[in-house]
């Protein structure tokens, strides 16, 4: 946990992928701050182009990570107490479940399993992609790894307005009981 203003705060990594709703990540950041979390954002290389990185830095106080740091460089983010993958794409879900760690985002997710870091995922994809048999198998594997799976139902391909069904706060709702017990962060961990 990080300590800010003398009070410990749990640290949340938000992994953002290249999906149409990714630009709304500020909603999750704001909700996390309101619930007492400090936040750092890791974007997939393609997801980085979907964000306003300067706005994210202004809200979190941390750089948006997308690439591996070089040996000897300090870690720009504290270790996570939990991870929210929102939005998660078809590609990320399948690669993560298969143990592919070819980006910082995927490497972080693969390591989180071994480290026992509670992780929630909110997939965002169209129904045509979701119909592929690999996707259902990947979600089953992630659930078997203890990943908390939420998110809206897949939307029709090419549909507009699907962004309205994406409930960013669901990631926090999924995470808080496993991280803090049924009552959320202790009073000293909020604010």
N, C-alpha and C. Protein backbone atom coordinates (compact mmCIF):
# COMPACT_ATOMS: atom_id res chain seq x y z
N UNK A 1 0.84 -1.18 0.00
CA UNK A 1 0.00 0.00 0.00
C UNK A 1 0.88 1.23 0.00
N UNK A 2 0.40 2.27 -0.64
CA UNK A 2 1.13 3.53 -0.65
C UNK A 2 0.66 4.37 0.52
N UNK A 3 1.50 5.29 0.93
CA UNK A 3 1.13 6.19 2.01
C UNK A 3 1.10 7.59 1.43
N UNK A 4 -0.04 8.20 1.52
CA UNK A 4 -0.22 9.57 1.05
C UNK A 4 -0.85 10.35 2.19
N UNK A 5 -0.38 11.53 2.44
CA UNK A 5 -0.92 12.39 3.48
C UNK A 5 -1.02 11.65 4.82
N UNK A 6 -0.05 10.78 5.09
CA UNK A 6 0.00 10.08 6.35
C UNK A 6 -0.95 8.90 6.47
N UNK A 7 -1.80 8.68 5.49
CA UNK A 7 -2.75 7.57 5.54
C UNK A 7 -2.39 6.55 4.47
N UNK A 8 -2.37 5.27 4.84
CA UNK A 8 -2.09 4.26 3.82
C UNK A 8 -3.26 4.12 2.85
N UNK A 9 -2.94 3.98 1.58
CA UNK A 9 -3.97 3.76 0.56
C UNK A 9 -3.61 2.49 -0.20
N UNK A 10 -4.60 1.66 -0.48
CA UNK A 10 -4.31 0.50 -1.33
C UNK A 10 -4.02 1.00 -2.74
N UNK A 11 -3.15 0.28 -3.45
CA UNK A 11 -2.75 0.71 -4.79
C UNK A 11 -3.37 -0.21 -5.83
N UNK A 12 -4.07 0.38 -6.77
CA UNK A 12 -4.76 -0.32 -7.84
C UNK A 12 -4.07 -0.07 -9.17
N UNK A 13 -3.70 -1.16 -9.87
CA UNK A 13 -3.27 -1.02 -11.25
C UNK A 13 -4.52 -1.14 -12.11
N UNK A 14 -4.66 -0.25 -13.06
CA UNK A 14 -5.72 -0.35 -14.06
C UNK A 14 -5.03 -0.64 -15.39
N UNK A 15 -5.30 -1.82 -15.95
CA UNK A 15 -4.75 -2.21 -17.24
C UNK A 15 -5.81 -1.88 -18.29
N UNK A 16 -5.42 -1.05 -19.25
CA UNK A 16 -6.35 -0.57 -20.28
C UNK A 16 -5.93 -1.10 -21.64
N UNK A 17 -6.89 -1.67 -22.36
CA UNK A 17 -6.63 -2.23 -23.69
C UNK A 17 -7.30 -1.37 -24.76
N UNK A 18 -7.01 -1.67 -26.01
CA UNK A 18 -7.48 -0.89 -27.16
C UNK A 18 -8.92 -1.24 -27.51
N UNK A 19 -9.84 -0.72 -26.73
CA UNK A 19 -11.27 -0.88 -27.00
C UNK A 19 -11.90 0.51 -27.03
N UNK A 20 -13.01 0.62 -27.72
CA UNK A 20 -13.65 1.92 -27.92
C UNK A 20 -13.96 2.69 -26.66
N UNK A 21 -14.17 2.02 -25.55
CA UNK A 21 -14.51 2.71 -24.30
C UNK A 21 -13.28 3.14 -23.50
N UNK A 22 -12.09 2.78 -23.93
CA UNK A 22 -10.87 3.01 -23.14
C UNK A 22 -10.67 4.47 -22.75
N UNK A 23 -11.09 5.38 -23.59
CA UNK A 23 -10.93 6.80 -23.28
C UNK A 23 -11.70 7.22 -22.04
N UNK A 24 -12.64 6.41 -21.58
CA UNK A 24 -13.41 6.72 -20.39
C UNK A 24 -12.78 6.23 -19.10
N UNK A 25 -11.53 5.82 -19.14
CA UNK A 25 -10.87 5.27 -17.95
C UNK A 25 -10.87 6.24 -16.77
N UNK A 26 -10.99 7.53 -17.06
CA UNK A 26 -11.07 8.52 -15.98
C UNK A 26 -12.23 8.25 -15.04
N UNK A 27 -13.29 7.63 -15.55
CA UNK A 27 -14.43 7.27 -14.71
C UNK A 27 -14.00 6.28 -13.65
N UNK A 28 -13.23 5.27 -14.04
CA UNK A 28 -12.74 4.28 -13.08
C UNK A 28 -11.74 4.90 -12.12
N UNK A 29 -10.87 5.75 -12.62
CA UNK A 29 -9.89 6.41 -11.76
C UNK A 29 -10.60 7.23 -10.69
N UNK A 30 -11.59 8.02 -11.11
CA UNK A 30 -12.34 8.84 -10.16
C UNK A 30 -13.08 8.00 -9.13
N UNK A 31 -13.71 6.92 -9.58
CA UNK A 31 -14.43 6.03 -8.66
C UNK A 31 -13.47 5.37 -7.68
N UNK A 32 -12.30 4.97 -8.18
CA UNK A 32 -11.31 4.34 -7.30
C UNK A 32 -10.81 5.34 -6.25
N UNK A 33 -10.53 6.55 -6.68
CA UNK A 33 -10.09 7.57 -5.71
C UNK A 33 -11.17 7.80 -4.66
N UNK A 34 -12.43 7.86 -5.08
CA UNK A 34 -13.53 8.09 -4.14
C UNK A 34 -13.65 6.95 -3.14
N UNK A 35 -13.20 5.76 -3.52
CA UNK A 35 -13.26 4.61 -2.61
C UNK A 35 -11.97 4.39 -1.83
N UNK A 36 -11.02 5.31 -1.98
CA UNK A 36 -9.81 5.25 -1.17
C UNK A 36 -8.61 4.59 -1.81
N UNK A 37 -8.65 4.36 -3.10
CA UNK A 37 -7.52 3.75 -3.80
C UNK A 37 -6.59 4.82 -4.38
N UNK A 38 -5.30 4.53 -4.41
CA UNK A 38 -4.36 5.23 -5.28
C UNK A 38 -4.31 4.40 -6.56
N UNK A 39 -4.07 5.03 -7.70
CA UNK A 39 -4.20 4.34 -8.99
C UNK A 39 -3.00 4.61 -9.88
N UNK A 40 -2.56 3.56 -10.58
CA UNK A 40 -1.59 3.69 -11.67
C UNK A 40 -2.16 2.97 -12.88
N UNK A 41 -1.90 3.50 -14.06
CA UNK A 41 -2.45 2.93 -15.29
C UNK A 41 -1.34 2.31 -16.14
N UNK A 42 -1.62 1.09 -16.59
CA UNK A 42 -0.76 0.39 -17.54
C UNK A 42 -1.61 0.16 -18.78
N UNK A 43 -1.14 0.62 -19.92
CA UNK A 43 -1.88 0.46 -21.17
C UNK A 43 -1.18 -0.55 -22.06
N UNK A 44 -1.98 -1.33 -22.76
CA UNK A 44 -1.38 -2.17 -23.81
C UNK A 44 -0.80 -1.21 -24.84
N UNK A 45 0.18 -1.64 -25.64
CA UNK A 45 0.75 -0.72 -26.63
C UNK A 45 -0.32 -0.09 -27.54
N UNK A 46 -1.30 -0.88 -27.97
CA UNK A 46 -2.36 -0.34 -28.80
C UNK A 46 -3.33 0.50 -27.98
N UNK A 47 -3.56 0.11 -26.74
CA UNK A 47 -4.46 0.85 -25.86
C UNK A 47 -3.98 2.25 -25.54
N UNK A 48 -2.67 2.45 -25.56
CA UNK A 48 -2.11 3.76 -25.27
C UNK A 48 -2.68 4.82 -26.20
N UNK A 49 -2.93 4.47 -27.45
CA UNK A 49 -3.48 5.42 -28.41
C UNK A 49 -4.94 5.77 -28.16
N UNK A 50 -5.60 5.04 -27.27
CA UNK A 50 -7.00 5.28 -26.97
C UNK A 50 -7.18 6.19 -25.75
N UNK A 51 -6.08 6.55 -25.10
CA UNK A 51 -6.12 7.32 -23.86
C UNK A 51 -5.62 8.74 -24.06
N UNK A 52 -6.05 9.62 -23.19
CA UNK A 52 -5.44 10.93 -23.04
C UNK A 52 -4.44 10.76 -21.90
N UNK A 53 -3.22 10.38 -22.24
CA UNK A 53 -2.22 10.05 -21.22
C UNK A 53 -1.95 11.22 -20.29
N UNK A 54 -1.93 12.44 -20.80
CA UNK A 54 -1.69 13.59 -19.94
C UNK A 54 -2.79 13.75 -18.90
N UNK A 55 -4.03 13.51 -19.29
CA UNK A 55 -5.15 13.60 -18.34
C UNK A 55 -5.04 12.50 -17.29
N UNK A 56 -4.62 11.31 -17.71
CA UNK A 56 -4.46 10.21 -16.74
C UNK A 56 -3.36 10.54 -15.74
N UNK A 57 -2.24 11.05 -16.22
CA UNK A 57 -1.14 11.44 -15.33
C UNK A 57 -1.61 12.51 -14.35
N UNK A 58 -2.36 13.49 -14.84
CA UNK A 58 -2.86 14.56 -13.97
C UNK A 58 -3.78 14.00 -12.88
N UNK A 59 -4.55 13.00 -13.21
CA UNK A 59 -5.50 12.43 -12.23
C UNK A 59 -4.83 11.46 -11.25
N UNK A 60 -3.83 10.72 -11.72
CA UNK A 60 -3.23 9.69 -10.88
C UNK A 60 -1.94 10.13 -10.18
N UNK A 61 -1.21 11.05 -10.80
CA UNK A 61 0.08 11.45 -10.27
C UNK A 61 1.20 10.48 -10.65
N UNK A 62 0.89 9.53 -11.53
CA UNK A 62 1.87 8.54 -11.97
C UNK A 62 1.90 8.50 -13.50
N UNK A 63 3.06 8.15 -14.07
CA UNK A 63 3.11 8.02 -15.53
C UNK A 63 2.28 6.83 -16.01
N UNK A 64 1.74 6.95 -17.22
CA UNK A 64 1.07 5.82 -17.84
C UNK A 64 2.16 4.90 -18.34
N UNK A 65 2.11 3.64 -17.92
CA UNK A 65 3.11 2.66 -18.33
C UNK A 65 2.62 1.89 -19.54
N UNK A 66 3.52 1.63 -20.49
CA UNK A 66 3.15 0.81 -21.64
C UNK A 66 4.31 -0.07 -22.08
N UNK A 67 5.51 0.28 -21.65
CA UNK A 67 6.70 -0.46 -22.06
C UNK A 67 7.49 -0.89 -20.82
N UNK A 68 8.28 -1.93 -21.01
CA UNK A 68 9.12 -2.42 -19.92
C UNK A 68 10.12 -1.36 -19.52
N UNK A 69 10.46 -1.30 -18.26
CA UNK A 69 11.53 -0.41 -17.82
C UNK A 69 12.86 -1.10 -18.09
N UNK A 70 13.91 -0.33 -18.20
CA UNK A 70 15.24 -0.89 -18.41
C UNK A 70 15.83 -1.36 -17.10
N UNK A 71 16.72 -2.34 -17.14
CA UNK A 71 17.37 -2.80 -15.91
C UNK A 71 18.00 -1.62 -15.17
N UNK A 72 17.81 -1.59 -13.88
CA UNK A 72 18.38 -0.53 -13.06
C UNK A 72 17.48 0.68 -12.91
N UNK A 73 16.48 0.83 -13.77
CA UNK A 73 15.56 1.96 -13.62
C UNK A 73 14.64 1.70 -12.43
N UNK A 74 14.31 2.76 -11.70
CA UNK A 74 13.39 2.55 -10.57
C UNK A 74 11.99 2.19 -11.07
N UNK A 75 11.27 1.49 -10.24
CA UNK A 75 9.88 1.15 -10.58
C UNK A 75 9.04 2.41 -10.48
N UNK A 76 8.33 2.77 -11.55
CA UNK A 76 7.55 4.00 -11.51
C UNK A 76 6.23 3.88 -10.75
N UNK A 77 5.80 2.66 -10.47
CA UNK A 77 4.56 2.44 -9.73
C UNK A 77 4.85 1.55 -8.52
N UNK A 78 4.17 1.80 -7.42
CA UNK A 78 4.29 0.87 -6.28
C UNK A 78 3.71 -0.49 -6.66
N UNK A 79 4.02 -1.53 -5.91
CA UNK A 79 3.40 -2.83 -6.18
C UNK A 79 1.89 -2.74 -6.00
N UNK A 80 1.13 -3.52 -6.78
CA UNK A 80 -0.32 -3.42 -6.67
C UNK A 80 -0.89 -4.24 -5.52
N UNK A 81 -1.96 -3.72 -4.95
CA UNK A 81 -2.77 -4.49 -4.01
C UNK A 81 -3.86 -5.23 -4.78
N UNK A 82 -4.20 -4.72 -5.96
CA UNK A 82 -5.21 -5.33 -6.82
C UNK A 82 -5.03 -4.78 -8.23
N UNK A 83 -5.63 -5.47 -9.20
CA UNK A 83 -5.55 -5.06 -10.61
C UNK A 83 -6.95 -5.13 -11.20
N UNK A 84 -7.30 -4.10 -11.96
CA UNK A 84 -8.54 -4.08 -12.75
C UNK A 84 -8.15 -3.99 -14.21
N UNK A 85 -8.60 -4.92 -15.02
CA UNK A 85 -8.34 -4.90 -16.45
C UNK A 85 -9.63 -4.41 -17.10
N UNK A 86 -9.63 -3.14 -17.51
CA UNK A 86 -10.85 -2.52 -18.00
C UNK A 86 -10.53 -1.40 -18.96
N UNK A 87 -10.97 -1.50 -20.19
CA UNK A 87 -11.63 -2.64 -20.82
C UNK A 87 -10.60 -3.67 -21.27
N UNK A 88 -11.02 -4.92 -21.32
CA UNK A 88 -10.16 -6.00 -21.81
C UNK A 88 -10.66 -6.43 -23.18
N UNK A 89 -9.76 -6.58 -24.10
CA UNK A 89 -10.12 -6.98 -25.46
C UNK A 89 -10.06 -8.50 -25.62
N UNK A 90 -10.60 -8.97 -26.70
CA UNK A 90 -10.54 -10.38 -27.09
C UNK A 90 -9.09 -10.85 -27.09
N UNK A 91 -8.23 -10.07 -27.69
CA UNK A 91 -6.82 -10.42 -27.79
C UNK A 91 -6.17 -10.55 -26.41
N UNK A 92 -6.41 -9.59 -25.55
CA UNK A 92 -5.80 -9.62 -24.22
C UNK A 92 -6.32 -10.80 -23.40
N UNK A 93 -7.62 -11.04 -23.42
CA UNK A 93 -8.19 -12.15 -22.66
C UNK A 93 -7.56 -13.47 -23.10
N UNK A 94 -7.48 -13.69 -24.41
CA UNK A 94 -6.94 -14.96 -24.92
C UNK A 94 -5.44 -15.11 -24.66
N UNK A 95 -4.68 -14.06 -24.87
CA UNK A 95 -3.23 -14.14 -24.62
C UNK A 95 -2.93 -14.33 -23.14
N UNK A 96 -3.64 -13.60 -22.29
CA UNK A 96 -3.45 -13.71 -20.84
C UNK A 96 -3.75 -15.12 -20.37
N UNK A 97 -4.86 -15.68 -20.79
CA UNK A 97 -5.23 -17.04 -20.39
C UNK A 97 -4.22 -18.07 -20.87
N UNK A 98 -3.59 -17.80 -22.01
CA UNK A 98 -2.59 -18.72 -22.56
C UNK A 98 -1.21 -18.51 -21.95
N UNK A 99 -1.05 -17.49 -21.12
CA UNK A 99 0.24 -17.24 -20.49
C UNK A 99 1.22 -16.49 -21.37
N UNK A 100 0.72 -15.77 -22.36
CA UNK A 100 1.58 -14.97 -23.23
C UNK A 100 1.86 -13.64 -22.53
N UNK A 101 3.15 -13.32 -22.40
CA UNK A 101 3.55 -12.11 -21.69
C UNK A 101 4.42 -11.25 -22.61
N UNK A 102 3.91 -10.93 -23.79
CA UNK A 102 4.71 -10.22 -24.78
C UNK A 102 4.59 -8.70 -24.70
N UNK A 103 3.84 -8.17 -23.75
CA UNK A 103 3.77 -6.73 -23.50
C UNK A 103 3.85 -6.53 -21.98
N UNK A 104 4.10 -5.30 -21.57
CA UNK A 104 4.12 -5.00 -20.14
C UNK A 104 2.76 -5.33 -19.52
N UNK A 105 1.67 -4.97 -20.19
CA UNK A 105 0.33 -5.23 -19.64
C UNK A 105 0.14 -6.73 -19.41
N UNK A 106 0.43 -7.54 -20.42
CA UNK A 106 0.25 -8.99 -20.27
C UNK A 106 1.23 -9.59 -19.28
N UNK A 107 2.46 -9.13 -19.29
CA UNK A 107 3.44 -9.62 -18.32
C UNK A 107 3.00 -9.32 -16.89
N UNK A 108 2.46 -8.14 -16.68
CA UNK A 108 1.96 -7.76 -15.36
C UNK A 108 0.83 -8.69 -14.93
N UNK A 109 -0.09 -8.98 -15.86
CA UNK A 109 -1.22 -9.86 -15.55
C UNK A 109 -0.76 -11.28 -15.28
N UNK A 110 0.17 -11.77 -16.07
CA UNK A 110 0.67 -13.13 -15.85
C UNK A 110 1.40 -13.25 -14.51
N UNK A 111 2.18 -12.23 -14.16
CA UNK A 111 2.87 -12.24 -12.87
C UNK A 111 1.90 -12.12 -11.70
N UNK A 112 0.81 -11.39 -11.88
CA UNK A 112 -0.15 -11.18 -10.80
C UNK A 112 -0.70 -12.51 -10.29
N UNK A 113 -0.90 -13.46 -11.19
CA UNK A 113 -1.39 -14.77 -10.77
C UNK A 113 -0.40 -15.41 -9.80
N UNK A 114 0.87 -15.44 -10.15
CA UNK A 114 1.88 -16.05 -9.30
C UNK A 114 2.07 -15.31 -7.99
N UNK A 115 1.84 -14.00 -8.00
CA UNK A 115 2.01 -13.19 -6.80
C UNK A 115 0.75 -13.17 -5.93
N UNK A 116 -0.34 -13.73 -6.43
CA UNK A 116 -1.58 -13.75 -5.66
C UNK A 116 -2.29 -12.42 -5.58
N UNK A 117 -2.07 -11.55 -6.57
CA UNK A 117 -2.71 -10.24 -6.57
C UNK A 117 -4.15 -10.39 -7.08
N UNK A 118 -5.14 -9.97 -6.29
CA UNK A 118 -6.53 -10.06 -6.76
C UNK A 118 -6.71 -9.25 -8.05
N UNK A 119 -7.38 -9.87 -9.02
CA UNK A 119 -7.52 -9.26 -10.33
C UNK A 119 -8.95 -9.42 -10.83
N UNK A 120 -9.48 -8.32 -11.36
CA UNK A 120 -10.81 -8.33 -11.98
C UNK A 120 -10.67 -7.91 -13.43
N UNK A 121 -11.50 -8.48 -14.29
CA UNK A 121 -11.46 -8.15 -15.71
C UNK A 121 -12.87 -7.82 -16.19
N UNK A 122 -12.97 -6.74 -16.98
CA UNK A 122 -14.21 -6.35 -17.62
C UNK A 122 -13.99 -6.38 -19.13
N UNK A 123 -14.28 -7.53 -19.76
CA UNK A 123 -14.11 -7.61 -21.21
C UNK A 123 -15.09 -6.68 -21.93
N UNK A 124 -14.64 -6.17 -23.06
CA UNK A 124 -15.48 -5.34 -23.91
C UNK A 124 -15.21 -5.75 -25.35
N UNK A 125 -16.15 -6.48 -25.95
CA UNK A 125 -15.95 -6.96 -27.31
C UNK A 125 -17.29 -7.24 -27.97
N UNK A 126 -17.23 -7.43 -29.28
CA UNK A 126 -18.47 -7.68 -30.00
C UNK A 126 -18.81 -9.17 -29.98
N UNK A 127 -20.07 -9.45 -30.28
CA UNK A 127 -20.59 -10.81 -30.19
C UNK A 127 -19.93 -11.75 -31.19
N UNK A 128 -19.51 -11.23 -32.34
CA UNK A 128 -18.84 -12.09 -33.32
C UNK A 128 -17.52 -12.62 -32.77
N UNK A 129 -16.75 -11.76 -32.11
CA UNK A 129 -15.51 -12.22 -31.49
C UNK A 129 -15.80 -13.14 -30.31
N UNK A 130 -16.78 -12.79 -29.50
CA UNK A 130 -17.11 -13.59 -28.33
C UNK A 130 -17.58 -15.00 -28.71
N UNK A 131 -18.07 -15.18 -29.93
CA UNK A 131 -18.55 -16.49 -30.38
C UNK A 131 -17.40 -17.45 -30.68
N UNK A 132 -16.20 -16.94 -30.83
CA UNK A 132 -15.05 -17.81 -31.11
C UNK A 132 -14.83 -18.74 -29.92
N UNK A 133 -14.66 -20.04 -30.13
CA UNK A 133 -14.52 -20.98 -29.01
C UNK A 133 -13.34 -20.69 -28.08
N UNK A 134 -12.29 -20.06 -28.58
CA UNK A 134 -11.15 -19.75 -27.72
C UNK A 134 -11.53 -18.78 -26.61
N UNK A 135 -12.46 -17.88 -26.89
CA UNK A 135 -12.83 -16.87 -25.90
C UNK A 135 -13.47 -17.51 -24.67
N UNK A 136 -14.44 -18.38 -24.85
CA UNK A 136 -15.10 -19.04 -23.71
C UNK A 136 -14.08 -19.86 -22.91
N UNK A 137 -13.20 -20.55 -23.61
CA UNK A 137 -12.17 -21.33 -22.91
C UNK A 137 -11.24 -20.42 -22.11
N UNK A 138 -10.92 -19.28 -22.69
CA UNK A 138 -10.03 -18.34 -22.00
C UNK A 138 -10.69 -17.78 -20.74
N UNK A 139 -11.96 -17.41 -20.84
CA UNK A 139 -12.66 -16.92 -19.64
C UNK A 139 -12.73 -18.01 -18.57
N UNK A 140 -12.99 -19.24 -18.98
CA UNK A 140 -13.02 -20.35 -18.02
C UNK A 140 -11.65 -20.51 -17.34
N UNK A 141 -10.59 -20.42 -18.12
CA UNK A 141 -9.24 -20.55 -17.54
C UNK A 141 -8.97 -19.41 -16.57
N UNK A 142 -9.32 -18.19 -16.94
CA UNK A 142 -9.10 -17.05 -16.04
C UNK A 142 -9.90 -17.23 -14.75
N UNK A 143 -11.15 -17.64 -14.86
CA UNK A 143 -11.95 -17.90 -13.65
C UNK A 143 -11.27 -18.97 -12.78
N UNK A 144 -10.74 -20.01 -13.42
CA UNK A 144 -10.04 -21.07 -12.70
C UNK A 144 -8.79 -20.56 -12.01
N UNK A 145 -8.23 -19.48 -12.51
CA UNK A 145 -7.06 -18.85 -11.89
C UNK A 145 -7.46 -17.89 -10.77
N UNK A 146 -8.76 -17.74 -10.54
CA UNK A 146 -9.23 -16.83 -9.51
C UNK A 146 -9.51 -15.43 -9.98
N UNK A 147 -9.42 -15.18 -11.29
CA UNK A 147 -9.72 -13.85 -11.82
C UNK A 147 -11.24 -13.63 -11.73
N UNK A 148 -11.61 -12.46 -11.28
CA UNK A 148 -13.02 -12.09 -11.14
C UNK A 148 -13.49 -11.48 -12.46
N UNK A 149 -14.45 -12.12 -13.11
CA UNK A 149 -14.87 -11.71 -14.45
C UNK A 149 -16.22 -11.01 -14.38
N UNK A 150 -16.28 -9.82 -14.94
CA UNK A 150 -17.51 -9.05 -15.03
C UNK A 150 -17.64 -8.48 -16.42
N UNK A 151 -18.25 -7.33 -16.50
CA UNK A 151 -18.38 -6.64 -17.77
C UNK A 151 -19.72 -6.86 -18.44
N UNK A 152 -20.01 -6.02 -19.42
CA UNK A 152 -21.28 -6.13 -20.13
C UNK A 152 -21.28 -7.34 -21.06
N UNK A 153 -22.47 -7.74 -21.47
CA UNK A 153 -22.58 -8.80 -22.49
C UNK A 153 -21.96 -8.28 -23.78
N UNK A 154 -21.40 -9.17 -24.58
CA UNK A 154 -20.86 -8.73 -25.87
C UNK A 154 -21.93 -8.00 -26.67
N UNK A 155 -21.51 -6.95 -27.36
CA UNK A 155 -22.44 -6.14 -28.14
C UNK A 155 -22.43 -6.58 -29.60
N UNK A 156 -23.49 -6.30 -30.33
CA UNK A 156 -23.52 -6.65 -31.76
C UNK A 156 -22.37 -5.96 -32.50
N UNK A 157 -21.77 -6.65 -33.44
CA UNK A 157 -20.69 -6.06 -34.23
C UNK A 157 -21.20 -4.79 -34.91
N UNK A 158 -20.43 -3.74 -34.83
CA UNK A 158 -20.78 -2.48 -35.49
C UNK A 158 -21.84 -1.67 -34.77
N UNK A 159 -22.29 -2.12 -33.60
CA UNK A 159 -23.34 -1.40 -32.88
C UNK A 159 -22.81 -0.11 -32.28
N UNK A 160 -23.62 0.92 -32.33
CA UNK A 160 -23.25 2.16 -31.65
C UNK A 160 -24.02 2.20 -30.33
N UNK A 161 -23.50 2.92 -29.38
CA UNK A 161 -24.15 3.03 -28.08
C UNK A 161 -23.77 1.93 -27.11
N UNK A 162 -22.97 0.96 -27.54
CA UNK A 162 -22.58 -0.13 -26.64
C UNK A 162 -21.75 0.39 -25.47
N UNK A 163 -21.11 1.54 -25.64
CA UNK A 163 -20.29 2.12 -24.58
C UNK A 163 -21.11 2.42 -23.34
N UNK A 164 -22.40 2.71 -23.54
CA UNK A 164 -23.26 3.06 -22.41
C UNK A 164 -23.42 1.91 -21.43
N UNK A 165 -23.24 0.68 -21.88
CA UNK A 165 -23.41 -0.49 -21.02
C UNK A 165 -22.16 -0.80 -20.20
N UNK A 166 -21.06 -0.09 -20.46
CA UNK A 166 -19.81 -0.38 -19.75
C UNK A 166 -19.84 0.32 -18.40
N UNK A 167 -19.87 -0.46 -17.34
CA UNK A 167 -19.95 0.06 -15.98
C UNK A 167 -18.58 -0.08 -15.32
N UNK A 168 -17.77 0.97 -15.41
CA UNK A 168 -16.40 0.96 -14.91
C UNK A 168 -16.31 0.54 -13.45
N UNK A 169 -17.24 1.02 -12.63
CA UNK A 169 -17.18 0.76 -11.19
C UNK A 169 -17.33 -0.72 -10.85
N UNK A 170 -17.83 -1.53 -11.79
CA UNK A 170 -17.99 -2.96 -11.53
C UNK A 170 -16.65 -3.60 -11.15
N UNK A 171 -15.56 -3.12 -11.72
CA UNK A 171 -14.24 -3.66 -11.38
C UNK A 171 -13.96 -3.49 -9.89
N UNK A 172 -14.30 -2.34 -9.35
CA UNK A 172 -14.09 -2.09 -7.92
C UNK A 172 -15.04 -2.93 -7.08
N UNK A 173 -16.29 -3.06 -7.54
CA UNK A 173 -17.26 -3.88 -6.81
C UNK A 173 -16.76 -5.33 -6.72
N UNK A 174 -16.17 -5.83 -7.78
CA UNK A 174 -15.65 -7.20 -7.78
C UNK A 174 -14.44 -7.34 -6.86
N UNK A 175 -13.59 -6.34 -6.85
CA UNK A 175 -12.33 -6.44 -6.11
C UNK A 175 -12.44 -6.20 -4.62
N UNK A 176 -13.28 -5.31 -4.21
CA UNK A 176 -13.22 -4.90 -2.82
C UNK A 176 -13.48 -6.01 -1.82
N UNK A 177 -14.45 -6.91 -2.02
CA UNK A 177 -14.58 -7.99 -1.02
C UNK A 177 -13.33 -8.87 -0.92
N UNK A 178 -12.71 -9.33 -2.04
CA UNK A 178 -11.52 -10.17 -1.89
C UNK A 178 -10.33 -9.42 -1.30
N UNK A 179 -10.20 -8.14 -1.59
CA UNK A 179 -9.04 -7.40 -1.11
C UNK A 179 -9.23 -6.97 0.34
N UNK A 180 -10.43 -6.52 0.69
CA UNK A 180 -10.64 -5.91 2.00
C UNK A 180 -11.68 -6.60 2.86
N UNK A 181 -12.27 -7.68 2.41
CA UNK A 181 -13.37 -8.28 3.15
C UNK A 181 -14.68 -7.63 2.75
N UNK A 182 -15.74 -8.07 3.31
CA UNK A 182 -17.07 -7.66 2.88
C UNK A 182 -17.35 -6.17 3.08
N UNK A 183 -16.59 -5.49 3.94
CA UNK A 183 -16.92 -4.10 4.24
C UNK A 183 -16.06 -3.09 3.50
N UNK A 184 -15.21 -3.51 2.59
CA UNK A 184 -14.37 -2.55 1.86
C UNK A 184 -13.14 -2.18 2.67
N UNK A 185 -12.39 -1.16 2.21
CA UNK A 185 -11.18 -0.76 2.92
C UNK A 185 -11.47 -0.32 4.35
N UNK A 186 -10.54 -0.61 5.23
CA UNK A 186 -10.68 -0.17 6.62
C UNK A 186 -10.72 1.35 6.65
N UNK A 187 -11.29 1.90 7.71
CA UNK A 187 -11.46 3.34 7.78
C UNK A 187 -10.13 4.08 7.56
N UNK A 188 -9.04 3.55 8.06
CA UNK A 188 -7.74 4.18 7.88
C UNK A 188 -7.20 4.07 6.48
N UNK A 189 -7.82 3.24 5.64
CA UNK A 189 -7.35 3.08 4.28
C UNK A 189 -8.17 3.88 3.29
N UNK A 190 -9.20 4.53 3.73
CA UNK A 190 -10.01 5.38 2.83
C UNK A 190 -9.53 6.82 2.94
N UNK A 191 -9.78 7.56 1.85
CA UNK A 191 -9.56 9.00 1.85
C UNK A 191 -8.21 9.39 1.62
